[in-house]
Amino acid sequence: MAGLIRRGRPAAEVMGVLAAEATKWEKVFAQTKRNDPCPCGSGRKFKACHGKPDARPPLRPAPGLGLKP
């Protein structure tokens, strides 16, 4: 949000950025197989990280979105 404000953009645009990021992660997770490394970069298998519906750790910006963590 601070980056948007520094660039003279309205802070409300953050919601669009977050929605785009969530959509990007959903696509990445849909292509990830159960025993693949988790694309979030945790070093764990997908099934033990974001593939586990009851315990999802926080995400970094989605790959290819062009945002800095």
N, C-alpha and C. Protein backbone atom coordinates (compact mmCIF):
# COMPACT_ATOMS: atom_id res chain seq x y z
N MET A 1 0.82 -1.17 0.00
CA MET A 1 0.00 0.00 0.00
C MET A 1 0.88 1.25 0.00
N ALA A 2 1.96 1.20 0.75
CA ALA A 2 2.85 2.36 0.81
C ALA A 2 3.44 2.65 -0.56
N GLY A 3 3.77 1.59 -1.31
CA GLY A 3 4.31 1.78 -2.65
C GLY A 3 3.32 2.45 -3.58
N LEU A 4 2.05 2.09 -3.45
CA LEU A 4 1.02 2.73 -4.27
C LEU A 4 0.91 4.22 -3.94
N ILE A 5 0.91 4.54 -2.66
CA ILE A 5 0.80 5.93 -2.23
C ILE A 5 2.01 6.74 -2.70
N ARG A 6 3.21 6.15 -2.61
CA ARG A 6 4.42 6.84 -3.08
C ARG A 6 4.36 7.13 -4.57
N ARG A 7 3.70 6.27 -5.32
CA ARG A 7 3.57 6.47 -6.76
C ARG A 7 2.39 7.36 -7.12
N GLY A 8 1.70 7.90 -6.11
CA GLY A 8 0.58 8.79 -6.37
C GLY A 8 -0.71 8.06 -6.73
N ARG A 9 -0.77 6.77 -6.43
CA ARG A 9 -1.95 5.96 -6.73
C ARG A 9 -2.84 5.90 -5.50
N PRO A 10 -4.15 5.70 -5.69
CA PRO A 10 -5.03 5.58 -4.52
C PRO A 10 -4.75 4.29 -3.73
N ALA A 11 -4.82 4.39 -2.41
CA ALA A 11 -4.56 3.23 -1.55
C ALA A 11 -5.57 2.12 -1.77
N ALA A 12 -6.76 2.45 -2.26
CA ALA A 12 -7.80 1.44 -2.49
C ALA A 12 -7.40 0.43 -3.56
N GLU A 13 -6.42 0.77 -4.38
CA GLU A 13 -5.96 -0.16 -5.42
C GLU A 13 -5.32 -1.41 -4.83
N VAL A 14 -4.96 -1.37 -3.56
CA VAL A 14 -4.33 -2.52 -2.93
C VAL A 14 -5.25 -3.75 -3.00
N MET A 15 -6.54 -3.54 -2.95
CA MET A 15 -7.48 -4.67 -3.01
C MET A 15 -7.39 -5.38 -4.36
N GLY A 16 -7.23 -4.64 -5.43
CA GLY A 16 -7.06 -5.25 -6.75
C GLY A 16 -5.76 -6.02 -6.86
N VAL A 17 -4.71 -5.47 -6.27
CA VAL A 17 -3.41 -6.14 -6.27
C VAL A 17 -3.50 -7.45 -5.50
N LEU A 18 -4.14 -7.42 -4.33
CA LEU A 18 -4.28 -8.63 -3.53
C LEU A 18 -5.14 -9.67 -4.23
N ALA A 19 -6.19 -9.24 -4.91
CA ALA A 19 -7.05 -10.18 -5.63
C ALA A 19 -6.29 -10.83 -6.78
N ALA A 20 -5.48 -10.06 -7.49
CA ALA A 20 -4.69 -10.61 -8.59
C ALA A 20 -3.67 -11.61 -8.06
N GLU A 21 -3.08 -11.29 -6.92
CA GLU A 21 -2.09 -12.18 -6.31
C GLU A 21 -2.74 -13.49 -5.87
N ALA A 22 -3.93 -13.42 -5.27
CA ALA A 22 -4.64 -14.62 -4.83
C ALA A 22 -5.00 -15.50 -6.02
N THR A 23 -5.43 -14.89 -7.11
CA THR A 23 -5.77 -15.64 -8.31
C THR A 23 -4.54 -16.34 -8.87
N LYS A 24 -3.41 -15.64 -8.86
CA LYS A 24 -2.16 -16.21 -9.36
C LYS A 24 -1.76 -17.43 -8.52
N TRP A 25 -1.86 -17.31 -7.18
CA TRP A 25 -1.52 -18.44 -6.31
C TRP A 25 -2.46 -19.62 -6.54
N GLU A 26 -3.74 -19.36 -6.74
CA GLU A 26 -4.69 -20.45 -7.00
C GLU A 26 -4.29 -21.23 -8.25
N LYS A 27 -3.87 -20.52 -9.28
CA LYS A 27 -3.44 -21.18 -10.53
C LYS A 27 -2.17 -22.01 -10.29
N VAL A 28 -1.23 -21.44 -9.54
CA VAL A 28 0.03 -22.15 -9.26
C VAL A 28 -0.26 -23.40 -8.44
N PHE A 29 -1.11 -23.28 -7.41
CA PHE A 29 -1.44 -24.42 -6.55
C PHE A 29 -2.21 -25.49 -7.32
N ALA A 30 -3.04 -25.10 -8.25
CA ALA A 30 -3.82 -26.07 -9.03
C ALA A 30 -2.91 -26.94 -9.91
N GLN A 31 -1.76 -26.42 -10.29
CA GLN A 31 -0.84 -27.16 -11.14
C GLN A 31 0.19 -27.96 -10.34
N THR A 32 0.23 -27.75 -9.05
CA THR A 32 1.22 -28.41 -8.20
C THR A 32 0.71 -29.78 -7.75
N LYS A 33 1.56 -30.78 -7.91
CA LYS A 33 1.19 -32.13 -7.48
C LYS A 33 1.50 -32.29 -6.00
N ARG A 34 0.87 -33.24 -5.40
CA ARG A 34 0.92 -33.48 -3.96
C ARG A 34 2.34 -33.60 -3.40
N ASN A 35 3.22 -34.31 -4.07
CA ASN A 35 4.57 -34.55 -3.56
C ASN A 35 5.63 -33.60 -4.14
N ASP A 36 5.21 -32.60 -4.89
CA ASP A 36 6.14 -31.59 -5.41
C ASP A 36 6.53 -30.64 -4.28
N PRO A 37 7.66 -29.96 -4.41
CA PRO A 37 7.98 -28.93 -3.43
C PRO A 37 6.92 -27.82 -3.50
N CYS A 38 6.60 -27.24 -2.36
CA CYS A 38 5.59 -26.19 -2.34
C CYS A 38 6.12 -24.96 -3.08
N PRO A 39 5.33 -24.38 -3.96
CA PRO A 39 5.79 -23.22 -4.71
C PRO A 39 5.98 -21.96 -3.87
N CYS A 40 5.57 -21.98 -2.61
CA CYS A 40 5.74 -20.80 -1.76
C CYS A 40 7.20 -20.61 -1.35
N GLY A 41 8.02 -21.65 -1.52
CA GLY A 41 9.44 -21.54 -1.20
C GLY A 41 9.79 -21.98 0.21
N SER A 42 8.88 -22.66 0.88
CA SER A 42 9.13 -23.08 2.26
C SER A 42 10.12 -24.24 2.35
N GLY A 43 10.28 -24.98 1.26
CA GLY A 43 11.15 -26.15 1.28
C GLY A 43 10.43 -27.43 1.65
N ARG A 44 9.15 -27.32 2.01
CA ARG A 44 8.37 -28.51 2.36
C ARG A 44 7.62 -29.01 1.14
N LYS A 45 7.14 -30.25 1.23
CA LYS A 45 6.29 -30.78 0.17
C LYS A 45 4.96 -30.04 0.18
N PHE A 46 4.34 -29.95 -1.00
CA PHE A 46 3.07 -29.25 -1.13
C PHE A 46 2.02 -29.81 -0.19
N LYS A 47 1.98 -31.14 -0.05
CA LYS A 47 0.95 -31.76 0.79
C LYS A 47 1.11 -31.38 2.27
N ALA A 48 2.30 -31.03 2.69
CA ALA A 48 2.55 -30.67 4.09
C ALA A 48 2.54 -29.15 4.30
N CYS A 49 2.35 -28.40 3.23
CA CYS A 49 2.40 -26.95 3.35
C CYS A 49 1.07 -26.36 2.91
N HIS A 50 0.99 -25.83 1.71
CA HIS A 50 -0.24 -25.21 1.22
C HIS A 50 -1.24 -26.21 0.65
N GLY A 51 -0.86 -27.45 0.50
CA GLY A 51 -1.79 -28.48 0.04
C GLY A 51 -2.62 -29.04 1.17
N LYS A 52 -2.32 -28.62 2.38
CA LYS A 52 -3.03 -29.07 3.57
C LYS A 52 -4.09 -28.01 3.90
N PRO A 53 -5.36 -28.30 3.69
CA PRO A 53 -6.38 -27.26 3.81
C PRO A 53 -6.56 -26.67 5.21
N ASP A 54 -6.22 -27.39 6.25
CA ASP A 54 -6.45 -26.87 7.60
C ASP A 54 -5.31 -26.01 8.14
N ALA A 55 -4.15 -26.05 7.52
CA ALA A 55 -3.01 -25.25 8.00
C ALA A 55 -2.27 -24.66 6.83
N ARG A 56 -2.59 -23.42 6.49
CA ARG A 56 -1.93 -22.77 5.37
C ARG A 56 -1.09 -21.62 5.87
N PRO A 57 0.24 -21.71 5.69
CA PRO A 57 1.12 -20.61 6.11
C PRO A 57 0.91 -19.38 5.24
N PRO A 58 1.34 -18.21 5.67
CA PRO A 58 1.18 -17.00 4.87
C PRO A 58 1.97 -17.08 3.58
N LEU A 59 1.52 -16.34 2.59
CA LEU A 59 2.13 -16.37 1.27
C LEU A 59 2.99 -15.16 1.01
N ARG A 60 4.00 -15.36 0.17
CA ARG A 60 4.76 -14.26 -0.38
C ARG A 60 4.08 -13.87 -1.68
N PRO A 61 4.48 -12.78 -2.32
CA PRO A 61 3.87 -12.45 -3.61
C PRO A 61 4.01 -13.59 -4.59
N ALA A 62 2.99 -13.80 -5.38
CA ALA A 62 2.96 -14.90 -6.34
C ALA A 62 4.05 -14.73 -7.39
N PRO A 63 4.64 -15.85 -7.84
CA PRO A 63 5.68 -15.77 -8.85
C PRO A 63 5.12 -15.19 -10.14
N GLY A 64 5.89 -14.32 -10.78
CA GLY A 64 5.49 -13.76 -12.06
C GLY A 64 4.55 -12.57 -11.95
N LEU A 65 4.26 -12.12 -10.75
CA LEU A 65 3.35 -10.99 -10.59
C LEU A 65 4.10 -9.66 -10.67
N GLY A 66 5.41 -9.71 -10.48
CA GLY A 66 6.21 -8.49 -10.59
C GLY A 66 6.21 -7.65 -9.32
N LEU A 67 5.78 -8.22 -8.21
CA LEU A 67 5.77 -7.49 -6.95
C LEU A 67 6.94 -7.91 -6.09
N LYS A 68 7.41 -7.01 -5.27
CA LYS A 68 8.50 -7.34 -4.35
C LYS A 68 7.92 -7.80 -3.04
N PRO A 69 8.53 -8.84 -2.38
CA PRO A 69 8.01 -9.31 -1.10
C PRO A 69 8.15 -8.29 0.00
